[in-house]
Amino acid sequence: MPKLGGSGISLSLFQTTRGQGWMLRAKCRGKTDVGDFFASGAHEQNAKDFCTGARDGVRCPVLDRCRRYSATNREEYGVWGGLGPDDRRLARLSSSLVGGGQRTSDS
């Protein structure tokens, strides 16, 4: 398992889904190279592009659900649904992620 930032912390994305079945369908499920998901700058952008399919044309099938989950749970770190921490903070300020009233098929 990879180590996060030389800290000695090993992890794998969604090692446990904690009752969130949609996570089993995530594009990043089981991805072992998770450094980009918890980095900043160009590395953070790589993770965002991975989620949205900007580079490979394959959008995560649960992208919208992941965004809502991260906003609802106030995830402070990492890329969730193609959004980094700063993106989520801005979205919370504008209330564009939570409570929009629309449900998508990936719920």
N, C-alpha and C. Protein backbone atom coordinates (compact mmCIF):
# COMPACT_ATOMS: atom_id res chain seq x y z
N MET A 1 0.84 -1.18 0.00
CA MET A 1 0.00 0.00 0.00
C MET A 1 0.88 1.24 0.00
N PRO A 2 0.46 2.32 -0.68
CA PRO A 2 1.29 3.52 -0.76
C PRO A 2 1.35 4.27 0.56
N LYS A 3 2.39 5.05 0.69
CA LYS A 3 2.56 5.89 1.87
C LYS A 3 2.20 7.32 1.49
N LEU A 4 1.48 8.00 2.32
CA LEU A 4 1.03 9.36 2.07
C LEU A 4 2.09 10.35 2.49
N GLY A 5 2.66 11.05 1.52
CA GLY A 5 3.60 12.14 1.78
C GLY A 5 4.76 11.78 2.69
N GLY A 6 5.26 10.56 2.63
CA GLY A 6 6.37 10.15 3.46
C GLY A 6 6.04 10.12 4.94
N SER A 7 4.77 10.19 5.29
CA SER A 7 4.38 10.26 6.69
C SER A 7 4.30 8.89 7.35
N GLY A 8 4.43 7.83 6.55
CA GLY A 8 4.30 6.50 7.10
C GLY A 8 2.86 6.02 7.16
N ILE A 9 1.92 6.85 6.70
CA ILE A 9 0.52 6.47 6.69
C ILE A 9 0.23 5.76 5.37
N SER A 10 -0.22 4.52 5.45
CA SER A 10 -0.57 3.77 4.25
C SER A 10 -2.08 3.79 4.08
N LEU A 11 -2.51 3.92 2.83
CA LEU A 11 -3.94 3.93 2.59
C LEU A 11 -4.26 3.50 1.17
N SER A 12 -5.51 3.16 0.96
CA SER A 12 -6.06 2.86 -0.35
C SER A 12 -7.43 3.52 -0.38
N LEU A 13 -7.78 4.13 -1.50
CA LEU A 13 -9.06 4.81 -1.56
C LEU A 13 -10.20 3.84 -1.36
N PHE A 14 -11.11 4.22 -0.50
CA PHE A 14 -12.32 3.45 -0.22
C PHE A 14 -12.00 2.02 0.21
N GLN A 15 -11.02 1.86 1.07
CA GLN A 15 -10.72 0.56 1.64
C GLN A 15 -11.97 0.02 2.34
N THR A 16 -12.69 0.90 2.95
CA THR A 16 -13.99 0.57 3.53
C THR A 16 -14.98 1.59 3.02
N THR A 17 -16.18 1.15 2.69
CA THR A 17 -17.17 2.08 2.16
C THR A 17 -18.10 2.59 3.24
N ARG A 18 -17.95 2.14 4.46
CA ARG A 18 -18.73 2.62 5.61
C ARG A 18 -20.21 2.80 5.26
N GLY A 19 -20.80 1.78 4.64
CA GLY A 19 -22.21 1.84 4.34
C GLY A 19 -22.57 2.68 3.12
N GLN A 20 -21.61 3.12 2.38
CA GLN A 20 -21.85 3.94 1.20
C GLN A 20 -21.66 3.09 -0.06
N GLY A 21 -22.68 2.36 -0.45
CA GLY A 21 -22.59 1.43 -1.58
C GLY A 21 -22.19 2.07 -2.89
N TRP A 22 -22.53 3.34 -3.09
CA TRP A 22 -22.16 4.03 -4.32
C TRP A 22 -20.65 4.08 -4.51
N MET A 23 -19.89 4.05 -3.40
CA MET A 23 -18.43 4.10 -3.49
C MET A 23 -17.86 2.91 -4.24
N LEU A 24 -18.58 1.80 -4.23
CA LEU A 24 -18.11 0.61 -4.93
C LEU A 24 -18.09 0.82 -6.44
N ARG A 25 -18.83 1.81 -6.93
CA ARG A 25 -18.88 2.09 -8.37
C ARG A 25 -17.95 3.24 -8.77
N ALA A 26 -17.23 3.81 -7.81
CA ALA A 26 -16.37 4.96 -8.10
C ALA A 26 -15.20 4.57 -8.99
N LYS A 27 -14.85 5.45 -9.89
CA LYS A 27 -13.73 5.23 -10.80
C LYS A 27 -12.43 5.03 -10.03
N CYS A 28 -12.29 5.69 -8.90
CA CYS A 28 -11.05 5.61 -8.11
C CYS A 28 -11.03 4.42 -7.14
N ARG A 29 -12.11 3.65 -7.08
CA ARG A 29 -12.21 2.51 -6.16
C ARG A 29 -11.00 1.60 -6.31
N GLY A 30 -10.30 1.38 -5.22
CA GLY A 30 -9.16 0.48 -5.22
C GLY A 30 -7.89 1.07 -5.81
N LYS A 31 -7.94 2.32 -6.23
CA LYS A 31 -6.74 2.96 -6.78
C LYS A 31 -5.68 3.02 -5.68
N THR A 32 -4.50 2.54 -6.00
CA THR A 32 -3.46 2.49 -4.98
C THR A 32 -2.52 3.69 -5.02
N ASP A 33 -2.46 4.39 -6.14
CA ASP A 33 -1.63 5.58 -6.24
C ASP A 33 -2.50 6.78 -5.88
N VAL A 34 -2.61 7.06 -4.59
CA VAL A 34 -3.56 8.07 -4.11
C VAL A 34 -2.93 9.42 -3.82
N GLY A 35 -1.65 9.57 -4.03
CA GLY A 35 -0.96 10.81 -3.70
C GLY A 35 -1.59 12.04 -4.32
N ASP A 36 -2.01 11.96 -5.60
CA ASP A 36 -2.60 13.11 -6.27
C ASP A 36 -3.91 13.55 -5.62
N PHE A 37 -4.63 12.62 -5.00
CA PHE A 37 -5.91 12.96 -4.38
C PHE A 37 -5.74 13.76 -3.10
N PHE A 38 -4.53 13.79 -2.55
CA PHE A 38 -4.27 14.50 -1.31
C PHE A 38 -3.10 15.45 -1.44
N ALA A 39 -2.95 16.04 -2.64
CA ALA A 39 -1.86 16.95 -2.92
C ALA A 39 -2.44 18.30 -3.34
N SER A 40 -1.57 19.20 -3.72
CA SER A 40 -2.03 20.50 -4.21
C SER A 40 -1.35 20.76 -5.55
N GLY A 41 -1.70 21.86 -6.16
CA GLY A 41 -1.09 22.25 -7.42
C GLY A 41 -1.40 21.29 -8.56
N ALA A 42 -0.37 20.98 -9.34
CA ALA A 42 -0.53 20.12 -10.51
C ALA A 42 -1.02 18.72 -10.14
N HIS A 43 -0.57 18.22 -9.00
CA HIS A 43 -1.00 16.88 -8.57
C HIS A 43 -2.49 16.86 -8.25
N GLU A 44 -2.97 17.89 -7.59
CA GLU A 44 -4.40 17.98 -7.30
C GLU A 44 -5.19 18.05 -8.60
N GLN A 45 -4.68 18.81 -9.57
CA GLN A 45 -5.37 18.92 -10.86
C GLN A 45 -5.42 17.58 -11.56
N ASN A 46 -4.37 16.77 -11.44
CA ASN A 46 -4.38 15.42 -12.02
C ASN A 46 -5.53 14.60 -11.46
N ALA A 47 -5.76 14.69 -10.16
CA ALA A 47 -6.85 13.94 -9.52
C ALA A 47 -8.20 14.47 -10.00
N LYS A 48 -8.34 15.78 -10.10
CA LYS A 48 -9.58 16.37 -10.59
C LYS A 48 -9.88 15.88 -12.01
N ASP A 49 -8.84 15.90 -12.85
CA ASP A 49 -9.00 15.45 -14.24
C ASP A 49 -9.34 13.98 -14.31
N PHE A 50 -8.78 13.19 -13.41
CA PHE A 50 -9.09 11.76 -13.36
C PHE A 50 -10.58 11.55 -13.08
N CYS A 51 -11.10 12.27 -12.11
CA CYS A 51 -12.51 12.14 -11.74
C CYS A 51 -13.45 12.59 -12.84
N THR A 52 -13.16 13.72 -13.44
CA THR A 52 -14.06 14.30 -14.44
C THR A 52 -13.87 13.70 -15.82
N GLY A 53 -12.79 12.98 -16.01
CA GLY A 53 -12.52 12.39 -17.33
C GLY A 53 -11.91 13.38 -18.30
N ALA A 54 -11.36 14.46 -17.80
CA ALA A 54 -10.81 15.51 -18.66
C ALA A 54 -9.69 15.00 -19.56
N ARG A 55 -8.96 14.01 -19.10
CA ARG A 55 -7.83 13.51 -19.90
C ARG A 55 -8.14 12.21 -20.63
N ASP A 56 -8.90 11.33 -20.01
CA ASP A 56 -9.14 10.02 -20.63
C ASP A 56 -10.55 9.87 -21.19
N GLY A 57 -11.40 10.89 -21.00
CA GLY A 57 -12.74 10.85 -21.54
C GLY A 57 -13.70 9.96 -20.77
N VAL A 58 -13.27 9.43 -19.62
CA VAL A 58 -14.11 8.54 -18.82
C VAL A 58 -14.45 9.23 -17.50
N ARG A 59 -15.67 9.75 -17.43
CA ARG A 59 -16.15 10.44 -16.22
C ARG A 59 -16.51 9.40 -15.16
N CYS A 60 -16.19 9.68 -13.92
CA CYS A 60 -16.56 8.79 -12.83
C CYS A 60 -18.08 8.65 -12.81
N PRO A 61 -18.59 7.42 -12.74
CA PRO A 61 -20.04 7.22 -12.78
C PRO A 61 -20.78 7.75 -11.55
N VAL A 62 -20.09 8.04 -10.49
CA VAL A 62 -20.73 8.55 -9.28
C VAL A 62 -20.19 9.93 -8.89
N LEU A 63 -19.73 10.66 -9.87
CA LEU A 63 -19.11 11.97 -9.64
C LEU A 63 -20.03 12.90 -8.84
N ASP A 64 -21.26 13.03 -9.26
CA ASP A 64 -22.18 13.94 -8.57
C ASP A 64 -22.47 13.48 -7.14
N ARG A 65 -22.65 12.19 -6.97
CA ARG A 65 -22.91 11.63 -5.63
C ARG A 65 -21.71 11.86 -4.72
N CYS A 66 -20.52 11.71 -5.25
CA CYS A 66 -19.28 11.93 -4.50
C CYS A 66 -19.18 13.39 -4.06
N ARG A 67 -19.54 14.30 -4.95
CA ARG A 67 -19.52 15.73 -4.61
C ARG A 67 -20.49 16.02 -3.47
N ARG A 68 -21.68 15.48 -3.57
CA ARG A 68 -22.68 15.71 -2.52
C ARG A 68 -22.21 15.12 -1.19
N TYR A 69 -21.64 13.93 -1.24
CA TYR A 69 -21.14 13.27 -0.03
C TYR A 69 -20.08 14.14 0.64
N SER A 70 -19.13 14.63 -0.15
CA SER A 70 -18.04 15.44 0.42
C SER A 70 -18.56 16.74 1.00
N ALA A 71 -19.55 17.32 0.35
CA ALA A 71 -20.12 18.58 0.86
C ALA A 71 -20.93 18.33 2.12
N THR A 72 -21.75 17.30 2.11
CA THR A 72 -22.59 16.98 3.26
C THR A 72 -21.76 16.64 4.48
N ASN A 73 -20.66 15.93 4.26
CA ASN A 73 -19.79 15.50 5.37
C ASN A 73 -18.65 16.47 5.63
N ARG A 74 -18.67 17.58 4.93
CA ARG A 74 -17.65 18.62 5.11
C ARG A 74 -16.23 18.07 5.08
N GLU A 75 -15.96 17.26 4.05
CA GLU A 75 -14.61 16.72 3.87
C GLU A 75 -13.65 17.89 3.68
N GLU A 76 -12.63 17.94 4.51
CA GLU A 76 -11.69 19.05 4.45
C GLU A 76 -10.48 18.77 3.56
N TYR A 77 -10.20 17.50 3.31
CA TYR A 77 -8.98 17.14 2.60
C TYR A 77 -9.30 16.28 1.38
N GLY A 78 -8.45 16.38 0.40
CA GLY A 78 -8.53 15.49 -0.75
C GLY A 78 -9.49 15.96 -1.82
N VAL A 79 -9.37 15.29 -2.97
CA VAL A 79 -10.25 15.55 -4.11
C VAL A 79 -11.41 14.58 -4.02
N TRP A 80 -12.61 15.10 -4.07
CA TRP A 80 -13.86 14.31 -4.03
C TRP A 80 -14.72 14.78 -5.19
N GLY A 81 -15.10 13.88 -6.07
CA GLY A 81 -15.96 14.25 -7.18
C GLY A 81 -15.36 15.32 -8.08
N GLY A 82 -14.06 15.30 -8.20
CA GLY A 82 -13.39 16.27 -9.05
C GLY A 82 -13.23 17.65 -8.43
N LEU A 83 -13.55 17.78 -7.16
CA LEU A 83 -13.41 19.05 -6.46
C LEU A 83 -12.38 18.95 -5.34
N GLY A 84 -11.51 19.94 -5.27
CA GLY A 84 -10.55 20.01 -4.18
C GLY A 84 -11.14 20.75 -3.00
N PRO A 85 -10.39 20.83 -1.92
CA PRO A 85 -10.88 21.51 -0.71
C PRO A 85 -11.31 22.96 -0.95
N ASP A 86 -10.55 23.70 -1.72
CA ASP A 86 -10.91 25.10 -1.99
C ASP A 86 -12.19 25.18 -2.82
N ASP A 87 -12.33 24.27 -3.79
CA ASP A 87 -13.56 24.24 -4.60
C ASP A 87 -14.78 24.00 -3.72
N ARG A 88 -14.65 23.06 -2.79
CA ARG A 88 -15.78 22.73 -1.92
C ARG A 88 -16.11 23.89 -0.98
N ARG A 89 -15.09 24.57 -0.47
CA ARG A 89 -15.35 25.72 0.40
C ARG A 89 -16.11 26.80 -0.36
N LEU A 90 -15.70 27.07 -1.59
CA LEU A 90 -16.40 28.06 -2.40
C LEU A 90 -17.82 27.62 -2.70
N ALA A 91 -18.00 26.34 -2.98
CA ALA A 91 -19.33 25.82 -3.27
C ALA A 91 -20.24 25.92 -2.04
N ARG A 92 -19.67 25.64 -0.87
CA ARG A 92 -20.48 25.76 0.36
C ARG A 92 -20.94 27.20 0.55
N LEU A 93 -20.06 28.13 0.25
CA LEU A 93 -20.42 29.54 0.40
C LEU A 93 -21.56 29.91 -0.55
N SER A 94 -21.56 29.32 -1.72
CA SER A 94 -22.62 29.66 -2.68
C SER A 94 -23.78 28.66 -2.63
N SER A 95 -23.66 27.64 -1.76
CA SER A 95 -24.70 26.63 -1.58
C SER A 95 -25.08 25.93 -2.87
N SER A 96 -24.11 25.72 -3.75
CA SER A 96 -24.43 25.12 -5.04
C SER A 96 -24.33 23.60 -5.04
N LEU A 97 -23.80 22.99 -3.97
CA LEU A 97 -23.65 21.54 -3.96
C LEU A 97 -24.72 20.82 -3.16
N VAL A 98 -25.09 21.36 -2.02
CA VAL A 98 -26.01 20.67 -1.12
C VAL A 98 -27.37 21.36 -1.17
N GLY A 99 -28.40 20.55 -1.23
CA GLY A 99 -29.75 21.11 -1.18
C GLY A 99 -30.24 21.68 -2.49
N GLY A 100 -29.62 21.28 -3.59
CA GLY A 100 -30.04 21.77 -4.88
C GLY A 100 -31.37 21.22 -5.34
N GLY A 101 -31.87 20.20 -4.64
CA GLY A 101 -33.17 19.66 -4.96
C GLY A 101 -33.20 18.67 -6.10
N GLN A 102 -32.10 18.52 -6.81
CA GLN A 102 -32.07 17.58 -7.93
C GLN A 102 -31.39 16.30 -7.49
N ARG A 103 -31.95 15.19 -7.88
CA ARG A 103 -31.35 13.89 -7.62
C ARG A 103 -30.91 13.33 -8.94
N THR A 104 -29.77 12.66 -8.93
CA THR A 104 -29.28 12.05 -10.16
C THR A 104 -29.36 10.56 -10.05
N SER A 105 -29.15 9.88 -11.15
CA SER A 105 -29.28 8.43 -11.19
C SER A 105 -28.17 7.70 -10.46
N ASP A 106 -27.11 8.39 -10.05
CA ASP A 106 -26.00 7.71 -9.37
C ASP A 106 -26.15 7.71 -7.87
N SER A 107 -27.30 8.05 -7.34
CA SER A 107 -27.53 8.10 -5.89
C SER A 107 -27.61 6.72 -5.29
